[in-house]
Amino acid sequence: YENCSCLTPVMNIVITANTACSEKIGINCTCFTIDQHEFSARTMQERKLWLRAVSNLKVKLMNAAPTPDEETLAQYRSAIVEHLKSTKGLQGAESSSDPLLPVCKKRIFQAPLPAPPRLPNMRMFSAPPPLPPMAPTVPDEGPMMRPDEPHRPGEAETFRV
């Protein structure tokens, strides 16, 4: 509707058994959605009432309930008015503007302490011990080739290690 007097409708929203309705999550949030349409209620209680009404409509559609007559509609409306009267005292409590987190004392920034001085000749890791010197390799006894002789295939060369 255009305003709270509910005289001029702005748009129609079709509600079926498959209509998605959900509430937005947040502290003191009064927003909810019906399909792709987003709404904001005045209070959290009003949001719950809207979502309950849409949910009740969906249940009636799922169960193929008959269209309510004027007397049944009057009962629904009087139940809504009674619910609003019973929650009237709760409306002021939920819309508090107090901060949500307590105020903390201001902390003074302290620079980190300097690293302790390193002692001379201190190593973090020790070096591995040196390897023993390798023994020179000597050719095995056997046929010796002169440097000017070509290698003949089939002859093996052996070396003592």
N, C-alpha and C. Protein backbone atom coordinates (compact mmCIF):
# COMPACT_ATOMS: atom_id res chain seq x y z
N TYR A 1 0.83 -1.19 0.00
CA TYR A 1 0.00 0.00 0.00
C TYR A 1 0.87 1.25 0.00
N GLU A 2 0.26 2.34 -0.37
CA GLU A 2 0.96 3.61 -0.51
C GLU A 2 1.42 4.17 0.83
N ASN A 3 0.58 4.03 1.87
CA ASN A 3 0.93 4.53 3.20
C ASN A 3 0.21 3.69 4.25
N CYS A 4 0.29 4.12 5.51
CA CYS A 4 -0.26 3.32 6.60
C CYS A 4 -1.78 3.29 6.64
N SER A 5 -2.45 4.15 5.87
CA SER A 5 -3.92 4.10 5.85
C SER A 5 -4.43 2.95 4.98
N CYS A 6 -3.55 2.35 4.16
CA CYS A 6 -3.86 1.16 3.35
C CYS A 6 -5.06 1.38 2.42
N LEU A 7 -5.11 2.54 1.75
CA LEU A 7 -6.21 2.82 0.83
C LEU A 7 -5.82 2.58 -0.64
N THR A 8 -4.58 2.86 -1.00
CA THR A 8 -4.15 2.74 -2.39
C THR A 8 -3.05 1.69 -2.52
N PRO A 9 -3.35 0.55 -3.17
CA PRO A 9 -2.30 -0.46 -3.34
C PRO A 9 -1.23 0.02 -4.33
N VAL A 10 0.03 -0.34 -4.06
CA VAL A 10 1.15 0.01 -4.94
C VAL A 10 1.40 -1.12 -5.93
N MET A 11 1.35 -2.36 -5.46
CA MET A 11 1.54 -3.52 -6.33
C MET A 11 0.92 -4.75 -5.69
N ASN A 12 0.73 -5.77 -6.50
CA ASN A 12 0.24 -7.06 -6.02
C ASN A 12 1.38 -8.06 -6.08
N ILE A 13 1.46 -8.91 -5.07
CA ILE A 13 2.46 -9.97 -5.05
C ILE A 13 1.70 -11.29 -4.98
N VAL A 14 1.97 -12.16 -5.94
CA VAL A 14 1.32 -13.46 -5.97
C VAL A 14 2.05 -14.40 -5.03
N ILE A 15 1.28 -15.03 -4.14
CA ILE A 15 1.86 -15.98 -3.18
C ILE A 15 1.33 -17.35 -3.53
N THR A 16 2.26 -18.30 -3.76
CA THR A 16 1.92 -19.68 -4.07
C THR A 16 2.52 -20.58 -3.00
N ALA A 17 2.27 -21.87 -3.13
CA ALA A 17 2.84 -22.84 -2.19
C ALA A 17 4.36 -22.86 -2.30
N ASN A 18 4.91 -22.45 -3.44
CA ASN A 18 6.37 -22.47 -3.65
C ASN A 18 7.03 -21.11 -3.41
N THR A 19 6.30 -20.14 -2.93
CA THR A 19 6.85 -18.81 -2.68
C THR A 19 7.92 -18.90 -1.59
N ALA A 20 9.07 -18.32 -1.85
CA ALA A 20 10.16 -18.30 -0.87
C ALA A 20 10.00 -17.09 0.04
N CYS A 21 10.04 -17.33 1.33
CA CYS A 21 10.01 -16.21 2.29
C CYS A 21 11.08 -16.49 3.34
N SER A 22 11.84 -15.43 3.65
CA SER A 22 12.91 -15.60 4.63
C SER A 22 13.19 -14.27 5.32
N GLU A 23 13.80 -14.39 6.47
CA GLU A 23 14.20 -13.19 7.20
C GLU A 23 15.68 -12.96 6.99
N LYS A 24 16.07 -11.71 7.00
CA LYS A 24 17.48 -11.36 6.90
C LYS A 24 18.09 -11.49 8.29
N ILE A 25 19.33 -11.95 8.32
CA ILE A 25 20.01 -12.16 9.59
C ILE A 25 20.81 -10.91 9.95
N GLY A 26 20.66 -10.46 11.17
CA GLY A 26 21.40 -9.30 11.66
C GLY A 26 20.88 -8.91 13.03
N ILE A 27 21.66 -8.16 13.73
CA ILE A 27 21.25 -7.71 15.07
C ILE A 27 20.17 -6.66 14.91
N ASN A 28 19.03 -6.89 15.54
CA ASN A 28 17.87 -5.99 15.48
C ASN A 28 17.43 -5.71 14.04
N CYS A 29 17.62 -6.66 13.14
CA CYS A 29 17.26 -6.48 11.73
C CYS A 29 15.77 -6.75 11.55
N THR A 30 15.10 -5.88 10.82
CA THR A 30 13.66 -6.03 10.59
C THR A 30 13.36 -6.33 9.13
N CYS A 31 14.37 -6.70 8.35
CA CYS A 31 14.18 -6.95 6.91
C CYS A 31 13.80 -8.40 6.65
N PHE A 32 13.00 -8.60 5.60
CA PHE A 32 12.63 -9.94 5.17
C PHE A 32 12.35 -9.92 3.68
N THR A 33 12.32 -11.10 3.06
CA THR A 33 12.06 -11.19 1.63
C THR A 33 10.90 -12.15 1.38
N ILE A 34 10.14 -11.82 0.34
CA ILE A 34 9.11 -12.71 -0.19
C ILE A 34 9.42 -12.80 -1.68
N ASP A 35 9.85 -13.99 -2.10
CA ASP A 35 10.41 -14.20 -3.43
C ASP A 35 11.53 -13.18 -3.64
N GLN A 36 11.52 -12.43 -4.73
CA GLN A 36 12.61 -11.47 -4.96
C GLN A 36 12.30 -10.09 -4.39
N HIS A 37 11.18 -9.92 -3.70
CA HIS A 37 10.79 -8.62 -3.12
C HIS A 37 11.37 -8.50 -1.71
N GLU A 38 11.97 -7.35 -1.43
CA GLU A 38 12.56 -7.11 -0.11
C GLU A 38 11.72 -6.09 0.65
N PHE A 39 11.52 -6.38 1.94
CA PHE A 39 10.68 -5.53 2.79
C PHE A 39 11.41 -5.20 4.08
N SER A 40 10.97 -4.13 4.72
CA SER A 40 11.49 -3.76 6.03
C SER A 40 10.31 -3.43 6.92
N ALA A 41 10.19 -4.17 8.00
CA ALA A 41 9.12 -3.92 8.96
C ALA A 41 9.58 -2.85 9.95
N ARG A 42 8.66 -2.33 10.72
CA ARG A 42 9.03 -1.30 11.70
C ARG A 42 9.71 -1.89 12.92
N THR A 43 9.33 -3.11 13.28
CA THR A 43 9.92 -3.78 14.45
C THR A 43 10.19 -5.24 14.11
N MET A 44 10.95 -5.89 14.95
CA MET A 44 11.22 -7.32 14.75
C MET A 44 9.94 -8.13 14.94
N GLN A 45 9.08 -7.71 15.87
CA GLN A 45 7.81 -8.40 16.08
C GLN A 45 6.92 -8.30 14.84
N GLU A 46 6.92 -7.14 14.19
CA GLU A 46 6.13 -6.97 12.97
C GLU A 46 6.69 -7.86 11.85
N ARG A 47 8.00 -7.96 11.77
CA ARG A 47 8.61 -8.85 10.77
C ARG A 47 8.17 -10.29 11.00
N LYS A 48 8.21 -10.73 12.25
CA LYS A 48 7.78 -12.10 12.57
C LYS A 48 6.31 -12.31 12.22
N LEU A 49 5.49 -11.29 12.45
CA LEU A 49 4.07 -11.39 12.14
C LEU A 49 3.85 -11.54 10.63
N TRP A 50 4.56 -10.73 9.82
CA TRP A 50 4.43 -10.84 8.37
C TRP A 50 4.86 -12.22 7.88
N LEU A 51 5.99 -12.69 8.35
CA LEU A 51 6.48 -13.99 7.91
C LEU A 51 5.55 -15.12 8.37
N ARG A 52 4.96 -14.97 9.53
CA ARG A 52 4.00 -15.98 10.01
C ARG A 52 2.75 -15.99 9.15
N ALA A 53 2.29 -14.79 8.77
CA ALA A 53 1.08 -14.71 7.94
C ALA A 53 1.32 -15.33 6.56
N VAL A 54 2.48 -15.04 5.96
CA VAL A 54 2.80 -15.60 4.64
C VAL A 54 2.97 -17.12 4.76
N SER A 55 3.59 -17.57 5.82
CA SER A 55 3.77 -19.00 6.04
C SER A 55 2.42 -19.70 6.20
N ASN A 56 1.52 -19.09 6.93
CA ASN A 56 0.17 -19.67 7.10
C ASN A 56 -0.55 -19.75 5.76
N LEU A 57 -0.41 -18.70 4.91
CA LEU A 57 -1.02 -18.74 3.58
C LEU A 57 -0.45 -19.89 2.75
N LYS A 58 0.84 -20.08 2.81
CA LYS A 58 1.48 -21.15 2.05
C LYS A 58 0.98 -22.52 2.50
N VAL A 59 0.80 -22.72 3.80
CA VAL A 59 0.30 -23.99 4.32
C VAL A 59 -1.11 -24.24 3.82
N LYS A 60 -1.93 -23.22 3.82
CA LYS A 60 -3.32 -23.37 3.34
C LYS A 60 -3.32 -23.70 1.85
N LEU A 61 -2.43 -23.08 1.07
CA LEU A 61 -2.33 -23.37 -0.36
C LEU A 61 -1.82 -24.80 -0.61
N MET A 62 -0.88 -25.24 0.17
CA MET A 62 -0.34 -26.59 0.01
C MET A 62 -1.39 -27.65 0.30
N ASN A 63 -2.25 -27.36 1.27
CA ASN A 63 -3.28 -28.33 1.66
C ASN A 63 -4.60 -28.10 0.93
N ALA A 64 -4.60 -27.21 -0.05
CA ALA A 64 -5.80 -26.91 -0.84
C ALA A 64 -7.00 -26.58 0.05
N ALA A 65 -6.76 -25.73 1.05
CA ALA A 65 -7.83 -25.31 1.96
C ALA A 65 -8.83 -24.43 1.20
N PRO A 66 -10.10 -24.47 1.58
CA PRO A 66 -11.09 -23.64 0.89
C PRO A 66 -10.86 -22.15 1.18
N THR A 67 -11.35 -21.30 0.29
CA THR A 67 -11.24 -19.86 0.48
C THR A 67 -12.02 -19.47 1.74
N PRO A 68 -11.40 -18.69 2.65
CA PRO A 68 -12.10 -18.34 3.89
C PRO A 68 -13.27 -17.39 3.62
N ASP A 69 -14.33 -17.58 4.42
CA ASP A 69 -15.49 -16.67 4.29
C ASP A 69 -15.24 -15.43 5.15
N GLU A 70 -16.18 -14.51 5.13
CA GLU A 70 -16.02 -13.24 5.87
C GLU A 70 -15.84 -13.46 7.36
N GLU A 71 -16.55 -14.40 7.92
CA GLU A 71 -16.44 -14.66 9.36
C GLU A 71 -15.03 -15.17 9.73
N THR A 72 -14.49 -16.06 8.91
CA THR A 72 -13.14 -16.59 9.16
C THR A 72 -12.11 -15.49 9.02
N LEU A 73 -12.25 -14.63 8.00
CA LEU A 73 -11.34 -13.50 7.84
C LEU A 73 -11.39 -12.57 9.05
N ALA A 74 -12.59 -12.33 9.57
CA ALA A 74 -12.75 -11.48 10.76
C ALA A 74 -12.03 -12.10 11.95
N GLN A 75 -12.07 -13.42 12.08
CA GLN A 75 -11.36 -14.09 13.18
C GLN A 75 -9.85 -13.94 13.02
N TYR A 76 -9.36 -14.11 11.77
CA TYR A 76 -7.92 -13.93 11.53
C TYR A 76 -7.50 -12.52 11.92
N ARG A 77 -8.28 -11.55 11.48
CA ARG A 77 -7.92 -10.15 11.74
C ARG A 77 -7.96 -9.82 13.23
N SER A 78 -8.93 -10.35 13.95
CA SER A 78 -9.00 -10.07 15.40
C SER A 78 -7.84 -10.75 16.13
N ALA A 79 -7.41 -11.93 15.64
CA ALA A 79 -6.26 -12.60 16.26
C ALA A 79 -4.99 -11.78 16.03
N ILE A 80 -4.87 -11.16 14.86
CA ILE A 80 -3.71 -10.32 14.58
C ILE A 80 -3.72 -9.08 15.48
N VAL A 81 -4.88 -8.46 15.65
CA VAL A 81 -4.99 -7.28 16.51
C VAL A 81 -4.64 -7.65 17.95
N GLU A 82 -5.12 -8.81 18.43
CA GLU A 82 -4.79 -9.25 19.79
C GLU A 82 -3.28 -9.48 19.94
N HIS A 83 -2.68 -10.06 18.92
CA HIS A 83 -1.23 -10.30 18.96
C HIS A 83 -0.48 -8.97 19.02
N LEU A 84 -0.92 -8.00 18.24
CA LEU A 84 -0.27 -6.69 18.25
C LEU A 84 -0.41 -6.00 19.61
N LYS A 85 -1.57 -6.13 20.23
CA LYS A 85 -1.76 -5.54 21.56
C LYS A 85 -0.87 -6.21 22.60
N SER A 86 -0.71 -7.53 22.48
CA SER A 86 0.10 -8.25 23.48
C SER A 86 1.59 -7.95 23.32
N THR A 87 2.02 -7.58 22.13
CA THR A 87 3.44 -7.29 21.91
C THR A 87 3.74 -5.80 21.91
N LYS A 88 2.76 -4.97 22.20
CA LYS A 88 2.96 -3.51 22.18
C LYS A 88 4.06 -3.09 23.15
N GLY A 89 4.14 -3.69 24.33
CA GLY A 89 5.15 -3.32 25.32
C GLY A 89 6.54 -3.76 24.92
N LEU A 90 6.65 -4.74 24.04
CA LEU A 90 7.96 -5.25 23.63
C LEU A 90 8.61 -4.39 22.57
N GLN A 91 7.85 -3.57 21.88
CA GLN A 91 8.40 -2.82 20.75
C GLN A 91 9.48 -1.84 21.16
N GLY A 92 9.33 -1.18 22.28
CA GLY A 92 10.33 -0.20 22.72
C GLY A 92 11.61 -0.87 23.19
N ALA A 93 11.49 -2.09 23.73
CA ALA A 93 12.66 -2.77 24.27
C ALA A 93 13.62 -3.21 23.17
N GLU A 94 13.09 -3.56 22.00
CA GLU A 94 13.97 -4.10 20.97
C GLU A 94 14.64 -3.03 20.13
N SER A 95 14.21 -1.82 20.22
CA SER A 95 14.79 -0.77 19.37
C SER A 95 15.71 0.15 20.17
N SER A 96 16.47 -0.43 21.08
CA SER A 96 17.40 0.34 21.88
C SER A 96 18.56 0.83 21.01
N SER A 97 19.02 2.04 21.27
CA SER A 97 20.12 2.59 20.48
C SER A 97 21.44 2.53 21.26
N ASP A 98 21.47 1.74 22.33
CA ASP A 98 22.71 1.60 23.09
C ASP A 98 23.73 0.85 22.24
N PRO A 99 25.02 1.09 22.48
CA PRO A 99 26.03 0.34 21.72
C PRO A 99 25.94 -1.14 22.02
N LEU A 100 26.22 -1.96 21.03
CA LEU A 100 26.13 -3.40 21.20
C LEU A 100 27.34 -3.96 21.92
N LEU A 101 28.50 -3.31 21.82
CA LEU A 101 29.70 -3.76 22.49
C LEU A 101 30.08 -2.76 23.59
N PRO A 102 30.60 -3.26 24.70
CA PRO A 102 31.00 -2.33 25.76
C PRO A 102 32.21 -1.50 25.33
N VAL A 103 32.31 -0.31 25.90
CA VAL A 103 33.43 0.58 25.59
C VAL A 103 34.65 0.07 26.33
N CYS A 104 35.76 -0.05 25.63
CA CYS A 104 37.02 -0.53 26.22
C CYS A 104 37.91 0.65 26.57
N LYS A 105 38.79 0.44 27.55
CA LYS A 105 39.78 1.46 27.86
C LYS A 105 40.73 1.58 26.68
N LYS A 106 41.19 2.78 26.45
CA LYS A 106 42.11 3.02 25.35
C LYS A 106 43.47 2.43 25.71
N ARG A 107 44.02 1.64 24.81
CA ARG A 107 45.32 1.03 25.06
C ARG A 107 46.42 1.92 24.50
N ILE A 108 47.52 1.98 25.23
CA ILE A 108 48.67 2.75 24.79
C ILE A 108 49.58 1.81 24.02
N PHE A 109 50.00 2.22 22.84
CA PHE A 109 50.86 1.39 22.02
C PHE A 109 52.26 1.38 22.59
N GLN A 110 52.83 0.19 22.72
CA GLN A 110 54.20 0.05 23.18
C GLN A 110 55.02 -0.59 22.07
N ALA A 111 56.17 -0.01 21.81
CA ALA A 111 57.07 -0.60 20.81
C ALA A 111 57.63 -1.89 21.37
N PRO A 112 57.91 -2.87 20.53
CA PRO A 112 58.47 -4.13 21.04
C PRO A 112 59.86 -3.92 21.62
N LEU A 113 60.21 -4.76 22.57
CA LEU A 113 61.52 -4.66 23.20
C LEU A 113 62.59 -5.02 22.19
N PRO A 114 63.79 -4.39 22.29
CA PRO A 114 64.87 -4.74 21.34
C PRO A 114 65.34 -6.16 21.58
N ALA A 115 65.87 -6.77 20.54
CA ALA A 115 66.39 -8.14 20.65
C ALA A 115 67.63 -8.14 21.52
N PRO A 116 67.86 -9.21 22.28
CA PRO A 116 69.07 -9.25 23.12
C PRO A 116 70.31 -9.29 22.23
N PRO A 117 71.41 -8.71 22.70
CA PRO A 117 72.64 -8.69 21.88
C PRO A 117 73.16 -10.11 21.67
N ARG A 118 73.75 -10.34 20.50
CA ARG A 118 74.34 -11.65 20.21
C ARG A 118 75.74 -11.70 20.78
N LEU A 119 76.07 -12.82 21.35
CA LEU A 119 77.41 -13.01 21.88
C LEU A 119 78.34 -13.35 20.74
N PRO A 120 79.59 -12.89 20.79
CA PRO A 120 80.52 -13.20 19.70
C PRO A 120 80.82 -14.70 19.63
N ASN A 121 81.14 -15.16 18.44
CA ASN A 121 81.52 -16.55 18.17
C ASN A 121 80.42 -17.56 18.51
N MET A 122 79.20 -17.13 18.53
CA MET A 122 78.09 -18.08 18.76
C MET A 122 77.50 -18.45 17.41
N ARG A 123 77.30 -19.73 17.21
CA ARG A 123 76.70 -20.20 15.99
C ARG A 123 75.33 -20.78 16.31
N MET A 124 74.41 -20.54 15.40
CA MET A 124 73.08 -21.12 15.59
C MET A 124 73.12 -22.62 15.29
N PHE A 125 73.89 -23.02 14.26
CA PHE A 125 73.99 -24.41 13.87
C PHE A 125 75.47 -24.75 13.75
N SER A 126 75.83 -25.96 14.13
CA SER A 126 77.24 -26.35 14.00
C SER A 126 77.47 -26.91 12.60
N ALA A 127 78.67 -26.68 12.08
CA ALA A 127 79.03 -27.17 10.75
C ALA A 127 79.36 -28.65 10.83
N PRO A 128 79.11 -29.40 9.77
CA PRO A 128 79.44 -30.83 9.81
C PRO A 128 80.96 -31.01 9.83
N PRO A 129 81.42 -32.14 10.37
CA PRO A 129 82.87 -32.36 10.41
C PRO A 129 83.41 -32.51 8.99
N PRO A 130 84.66 -32.13 8.77
CA PRO A 130 85.23 -32.25 7.42
C PRO A 130 85.37 -33.71 7.02
N LEU A 131 85.27 -33.97 5.73
CA LEU A 131 85.41 -35.32 5.21
C LEU A 131 86.89 -35.69 5.12
N PRO A 132 87.22 -36.99 5.31
CA PRO A 132 88.63 -37.39 5.17
C PRO A 132 89.05 -37.28 3.71
N PRO A 133 90.32 -37.04 3.46
CA PRO A 133 90.77 -36.93 2.07
C PRO A 133 90.61 -38.27 1.36
N MET A 134 90.30 -38.18 0.06
CA MET A 134 90.11 -39.40 -0.71
C MET A 134 91.45 -39.93 -1.17
N ALA A 135 91.58 -41.26 -1.18
CA ALA A 135 92.81 -41.90 -1.64
C ALA A 135 92.86 -41.83 -3.16
N PRO A 136 93.99 -41.60 -3.74
CA PRO A 136 94.08 -41.56 -5.20
C PRO A 136 93.85 -42.95 -5.78
N THR A 137 93.27 -42.98 -6.94
CA THR A 137 93.00 -44.27 -7.58
C THR A 137 94.23 -44.70 -8.37
N VAL A 138 94.53 -45.97 -8.26
CA VAL A 138 95.70 -46.54 -8.95
C VAL A 138 95.19 -47.61 -9.91
N PRO A 139 95.69 -47.64 -11.15
CA PRO A 139 95.23 -48.67 -12.07
C PRO A 139 95.56 -50.05 -11.53
N ASP A 140 94.64 -50.99 -11.78
CA ASP A 140 94.84 -52.37 -11.35
C ASP A 140 95.96 -52.98 -12.18
N GLU A 141 96.55 -53.99 -11.61
CA GLU A 141 97.58 -54.68 -12.36
C GLU A 141 96.93 -55.38 -13.54
N GLY A 142 97.48 -55.34 -14.59
CA GLY A 142 96.92 -55.94 -15.79
C GLY A 142 97.48 -55.23 -16.98
N PRO A 143 96.91 -55.49 -18.14
CA PRO A 143 97.47 -54.86 -19.33
C PRO A 143 97.40 -53.35 -19.22
N MET A 144 98.51 -52.75 -19.40
CA MET A 144 98.59 -51.29 -19.36
C MET A 144 98.64 -50.80 -20.79
N MET A 145 97.95 -49.72 -20.98
CA MET A 145 97.96 -49.14 -22.32
C MET A 145 98.84 -47.93 -22.30
N ARG A 146 99.54 -47.76 -23.36
CA ARG A 146 100.33 -46.53 -23.47
C ARG A 146 99.40 -45.43 -23.96
N PRO A 147 99.68 -44.19 -23.64
CA PRO A 147 98.80 -43.11 -24.05
C PRO A 147 98.66 -43.00 -25.55
N ASP A 148 99.66 -43.45 -26.31
CA ASP A 148 99.55 -43.31 -27.76
C ASP A 148 98.85 -44.49 -28.40
N GLU A 149 98.53 -45.57 -27.62
CA GLU A 149 97.85 -46.72 -28.18
C GLU A 149 96.34 -46.49 -28.16
N PRO A 150 95.64 -46.84 -29.26
CA PRO A 150 94.17 -46.71 -29.23
C PRO A 150 93.55 -47.84 -28.40
N HIS A 151 92.39 -47.57 -27.89
CA HIS A 151 91.67 -48.57 -27.09
C HIS A 151 91.07 -49.61 -28.01
N ARG A 152 91.29 -50.88 -27.66
CA ARG A 152 90.75 -51.95 -28.49
C ARG A 152 89.46 -52.43 -27.87
N PRO A 153 88.38 -52.54 -28.70
CA PRO A 153 87.12 -53.03 -28.15
C PRO A 153 87.29 -54.43 -27.58
N GLY A 154 86.59 -54.69 -26.50
CA GLY A 154 86.64 -55.99 -25.86
C GLY A 154 87.63 -56.05 -24.74
N GLU A 155 88.58 -55.13 -24.68
CA GLU A 155 89.54 -55.12 -23.58
C GLU A 155 88.96 -54.30 -22.42
N ALA A 156 89.02 -54.84 -21.27
CA ALA A 156 88.49 -54.14 -20.10
C ALA A 156 89.58 -53.39 -19.40
N GLU A 157 89.25 -52.33 -18.83
CA GLU A 157 90.18 -51.58 -18.01
C GLU A 157 89.69 -51.65 -16.58
N THR A 158 90.54 -52.00 -15.70
CA THR A 158 90.16 -52.05 -14.29
C THR A 158 91.04 -51.11 -13.50
N PHE A 159 90.45 -50.56 -12.52
CA PHE A 159 91.17 -49.63 -11.63
C PHE A 159 90.90 -50.05 -10.21
N ARG A 160 91.90 -49.93 -9.39
CA ARG A 160 91.75 -50.22 -7.96
C ARG A 160 91.29 -48.93 -7.29
N VAL A 161 90.31 -49.12 -6.47
CA VAL A 161 89.76 -47.95 -5.77
C VAL A 161 90.11 -48.02 -4.32
